[in-house]
Amino acid sequence: MLEIVLSLTTPSGQIVLKGALEYISNQSGMSSYRGCFDGCPGEVFLENQLQWSESRRGLFARAIALTAPGDALPTEWEVCRVDIALNIGGRQRRPMSIAMAGISHQDGVYTVGWTEGPNSGFVEVQPRHRYDNAWMLAQHALSVSCFGNDEITPIKALDIPVYVVDGVRYIREKDVPSPLLEAFQNHTLYTVRPFVRDVPDAHYAWDLQFFISRNRNWC
């Protein structure tokens, strides 16, 4: 299960809201999820999402966009931050933090910042005409951080190039998107890798294909 915690800083204190996306099905490279978010009535459903094709920030941006209007946003706010964690269950296991995004404003300047795996950044943005609630602030930050703008774009299927040198088929880490990259790196910590001159991030192509086929239920 993926969990999200929203922290909204206001002049009178901090508001904390929680949400989650639960994995409910897996068929032929597609996943479906059920989500719920504090303050928003009912549940949302994301169906037939291409596996491994975008970050968890993008997944939550899509889910929050489907929510019904919830509790109103306070008139004054300073920072809205969301932290995303992976909860794999078990009494002794704590949720593992995997991503963060946030939006802040000061002196009329709105800034979005994010981090997930090796990717991070900050960018100034134009505010929306209206934010119905705190989750819409979060959705703005998540969309900008994942899609580069305040619009939800279609999911792109994985398209990782395979290189061939002296009969060896290999892929490069630089071509693998998050969250697949971080999971694959952890999987290959102690595996044999090909030696390719001037390519320090090479992995056997079959190793990645095997990993994807065996690890479809990734959240």
Protein backbone atom coordinates (compact mmCIF):
# COMPACT_ATOMS: atom_id res chain seq x y z
CA MET A 1 0.00 0.00 0.00
CA LEU A 2 1.13 3.53 -0.75
CA GLU A 3 0.47 6.12 1.95
CA ILE A 4 0.51 9.90 1.68
CA VAL A 5 0.65 12.47 4.48
CA LEU A 6 -0.26 16.09 3.76
CA SER A 7 1.05 18.81 6.08
CA LEU A 8 -0.43 22.29 5.60
CA THR A 9 1.27 25.12 7.46
CA THR A 10 -0.97 28.08 8.32
CA PRO A 11 -0.46 31.15 10.54
CA SER A 12 -2.53 29.44 13.25
CA GLY A 13 -0.77 26.08 13.14
CA GLN A 14 -0.41 22.91 11.11
CA ILE A 15 -3.10 20.73 9.55
CA VAL A 16 -2.30 17.08 8.84
CA LEU A 17 -4.33 14.92 6.44
CA LYS A 18 -3.70 11.35 5.35
CA GLY A 19 -4.53 9.28 2.32
CA ALA A 20 -3.67 5.94 0.74
CA LEU A 21 -3.67 3.99 -2.50
CA GLU A 22 -4.32 0.27 -2.18
CA TYR A 23 -3.33 -2.14 -4.90
CA ILE A 24 -6.41 -4.18 -5.93
CA SER A 25 -5.55 -5.98 -9.17
CA ASN A 26 -2.77 -6.96 -11.53
CA GLN A 27 -3.34 -8.18 -15.08
CA SER A 28 -1.02 -8.26 -18.08
CA GLY A 29 1.23 -5.39 -17.06
CA MET A 30 -1.63 -3.27 -15.71
CA SER A 31 -2.48 -2.35 -12.13
CA SER A 32 -5.61 -0.92 -10.52
CA TYR A 33 -5.86 0.96 -7.24
CA ARG A 34 -8.45 2.11 -4.70
CA GLY A 35 -7.77 5.39 -2.91
CA CYS A 36 -9.15 7.41 -0.02
CA PHE A 37 -8.18 10.83 1.31
CA ASP A 38 -9.05 12.54 4.59
CA GLY A 39 -11.73 15.18 4.19
CA CYS A 40 -12.85 13.93 0.77
CA PRO A 41 -16.02 11.83 0.65
CA GLY A 42 -16.04 8.36 -0.88
CA GLU A 43 -13.27 6.46 -2.65
CA VAL A 44 -11.52 6.91 -5.96
CA PHE A 45 -10.41 4.20 -8.39
CA LEU A 46 -7.50 4.20 -10.80
CA GLU A 47 -7.90 1.41 -13.30
CA ASN A 48 -5.50 -0.18 -15.77
CA GLN A 49 -2.42 1.85 -14.96
CA LEU A 50 0.71 0.78 -16.82
CA GLN A 51 3.11 -0.74 -14.32
CA TRP A 52 6.48 0.83 -13.63
CA SER A 53 5.82 3.61 -16.15
CA GLU A 54 5.76 6.68 -13.88
CA SER A 55 6.66 7.85 -10.41
CA ARG A 56 4.51 7.50 -7.31
CA ARG A 57 4.05 11.27 -7.44
CA GLY A 58 2.30 10.87 -10.76
CA LEU A 59 0.12 8.07 -9.43
CA PHE A 60 -1.12 10.24 -6.55
CA ALA A 61 -1.59 13.26 -8.82
CA ARG A 62 -3.97 11.18 -10.95
CA ALA A 63 -5.83 9.81 -7.92
CA ILE A 64 -6.30 13.16 -6.17
CA ALA A 65 -7.64 14.69 -9.39
CA LEU A 66 -10.54 12.22 -9.15
CA THR A 67 -11.56 13.14 -5.59
CA ALA A 68 -14.84 14.87 -4.75
CA PRO A 69 -14.67 18.35 -3.17
CA GLY A 70 -13.67 18.07 0.48
CA ASP A 71 -13.00 20.36 3.40
CA ALA A 72 -12.35 23.96 2.32
CA LEU A 73 -8.82 25.34 2.18
CA PRO A 74 -7.97 27.85 4.94
CA THR A 75 -7.91 31.44 3.69
CA GLU A 76 -4.25 31.84 4.64
CA TRP A 77 -1.59 29.20 4.22
CA GLU A 78 2.19 29.15 3.85
CA VAL A 79 3.41 25.69 2.84
CA CYS A 80 1.72 22.51 1.69
CA ARG A 81 3.92 19.39 1.73
CA VAL A 82 3.10 15.76 0.98
CA ASP A 83 5.24 12.77 1.91
CA ILE A 84 4.70 9.44 0.18
CA ALA A 85 5.66 6.15 1.80
CA LEU A 86 5.47 2.46 0.95
CA ASN A 87 3.83 0.31 3.63
CA ILE A 88 4.43 -3.40 3.11
CA GLY A 89 2.79 -4.40 6.38
CA GLY A 90 4.01 -6.32 9.39
CA ARG A 91 4.27 -5.25 13.02
CA GLN A 92 7.99 -4.60 12.91
CA ARG A 93 8.07 -2.82 9.58
CA ARG A 94 7.65 0.92 9.32
CA PRO A 95 6.47 2.67 6.16
CA MET A 96 9.44 3.46 3.93
CA SER A 97 9.60 7.07 2.75
CA ILE A 98 10.02 7.21 -1.02
CA ALA A 99 8.96 10.65 -2.28
CA MET A 100 8.09 14.22 -1.32
CA ALA A 101 6.52 17.19 -3.05
CA GLY A 102 5.38 20.58 -1.84
CA ILE A 103 4.21 24.05 -2.79
CA SER A 104 4.86 27.28 -0.93
CA HIS A 105 4.28 30.95 -1.47
CA GLN A 106 6.03 34.03 -0.19
CA ASP A 107 5.66 37.63 -1.35
CA GLY A 108 3.46 36.49 -4.22
CA VAL A 109 5.96 33.91 -5.52
CA TYR A 110 4.78 30.29 -5.67
CA THR A 111 7.41 27.53 -5.66
CA VAL A 112 7.11 23.77 -6.12
CA GLY A 113 9.80 21.41 -4.87
CA TRP A 114 10.11 17.63 -4.99
CA THR A 115 12.36 14.63 -4.48
CA GLU A 116 12.00 10.95 -5.38
CA GLY A 117 14.96 8.62 -5.66
CA PRO A 118 17.76 10.44 -7.50
CA ASN A 119 15.37 13.08 -8.87
CA SER A 120 14.76 16.42 -7.17
CA GLY A 121 14.16 20.02 -8.09
CA PHE A 122 12.53 23.40 -7.49
CA VAL A 123 10.58 25.56 -9.89
CA GLU A 124 8.47 28.71 -9.74
CA VAL A 125 4.87 28.22 -10.84
CA GLN A 126 1.74 30.19 -11.55
CA PRO A 127 -0.94 29.59 -8.92
CA ARG A 128 -4.30 28.20 -9.89
CA HIS A 129 -7.24 30.56 -9.97
CA ARG A 130 -8.71 28.58 -7.08
CA TYR A 131 -7.82 25.70 -4.77
CA ASP A 132 -10.94 23.98 -3.44
CA ASN A 133 -9.08 22.24 -0.63
CA ALA A 134 -5.63 21.29 0.65
CA TRP A 135 -5.49 18.20 -1.54
CA MET A 136 -5.76 20.40 -4.63
CA LEU A 137 -2.66 22.26 -3.46
CA ALA A 138 -0.94 18.91 -3.15
CA GLN A 139 -2.19 17.82 -6.55
CA HIS A 140 -0.78 20.98 -8.13
CA ALA A 141 2.65 20.28 -6.62
CA LEU A 142 2.57 16.61 -7.60
CA SER A 143 1.51 17.36 -11.19
CA VAL A 144 4.20 19.99 -11.74
CA SER A 145 6.89 17.80 -10.18
CA CYS A 146 5.97 14.75 -12.27
CA PHE A 147 4.60 16.10 -15.57
CA GLY A 148 6.41 19.44 -15.78
CA ASN A 149 3.18 21.44 -15.79
CA ASP A 150 -0.22 21.63 -14.11
CA GLU A 151 -1.81 19.14 -16.49
CA ILE A 152 -2.13 15.39 -16.19
CA THR A 153 -0.55 13.81 -19.25
CA PRO A 154 -1.16 10.31 -20.65
CA ILE A 155 1.00 7.56 -19.22
CA LYS A 156 3.79 6.53 -21.53
CA ALA A 157 4.64 2.86 -21.82
CA LEU A 158 8.12 1.77 -20.83
CA ASP A 159 10.53 2.27 -23.71
CA ILE A 160 13.99 1.39 -22.45
CA PRO A 161 16.54 1.07 -25.25
CA VAL A 162 18.62 -2.10 -25.50
CA TYR A 163 22.20 -1.75 -26.70
CA VAL A 164 24.35 -4.47 -28.24
CA VAL A 165 28.15 -4.62 -28.10
CA ASP A 166 30.11 -7.74 -29.08
CA GLY A 167 26.93 -9.78 -28.86
CA VAL A 168 26.11 -8.54 -25.34
CA ARG A 169 22.63 -7.02 -24.94
CA TYR A 170 22.53 -4.45 -22.16
CA ILE A 171 20.52 -1.53 -20.81
CA ARG A 172 21.69 1.63 -19.01
CA GLU A 173 20.48 2.98 -15.69
CA LYS A 174 20.17 6.47 -17.17
CA ASP A 175 17.34 5.20 -19.42
CA VAL A 176 15.31 3.57 -16.61
CA PRO A 177 12.60 5.77 -15.03
CA SER A 178 11.60 5.98 -11.37
CA PRO A 179 10.34 4.05 -9.49
CA LEU A 180 11.63 1.11 -11.53
CA LEU A 181 15.23 2.35 -11.34
CA GLU A 182 15.47 2.36 -7.53
CA ALA A 183 13.84 -1.06 -7.21
CA PHE A 184 16.03 -2.56 -9.92
CA GLN A 185 19.20 -1.10 -8.39
CA ASN A 186 18.35 -2.73 -5.08
CA HIS A 187 17.68 -6.04 -6.85
CA THR A 188 21.05 -5.98 -8.66
CA LEU A 189 23.33 -4.98 -5.77
CA TYR A 190 25.08 -8.36 -5.82
CA THR A 191 24.48 -9.57 -9.36
CA VAL A 192 27.01 -9.91 -12.16
CA ARG A 193 27.01 -7.00 -14.59
CA PRO A 194 28.48 -6.76 -18.08
CA PHE A 195 31.73 -4.93 -18.66
CA VAL A 196 31.21 -2.34 -21.37
CA ARG A 197 33.95 0.19 -21.97
CA ASP A 198 32.97 3.73 -20.86
CA VAL A 199 29.51 2.55 -19.74
CA PRO A 200 29.60 2.23 -15.93
CA ASP A 201 25.80 1.92 -15.57
CA ALA A 202 25.31 -1.12 -17.81
CA HIS A 203 23.12 -4.10 -16.84
CA TYR A 204 22.22 -7.20 -18.79
CA ALA A 205 18.96 -6.60 -20.65
CA TRP A 206 17.58 -9.97 -19.61
CA ASP A 207 18.14 -9.09 -15.94
CA LEU A 208 15.77 -6.12 -16.18
CA GLN A 209 13.20 -8.10 -18.17
CA PHE A 210 13.24 -10.85 -15.55
CA PHE A 211 12.88 -8.34 -12.71
CA ILE A 212 9.85 -6.67 -14.30
CA SER A 213 8.13 -9.99 -14.99
CA ARG A 214 8.61 -11.14 -11.38
CA ASN A 215 7.82 -7.89 -9.58
CA ARG A 216 4.54 -6.59 -10.95
CA ASN A 217 2.92 -6.09 -7.54
CA TRP A 218 5.25 -3.26 -6.54
CA CYS A 219 3.07 -1.27 -4.11
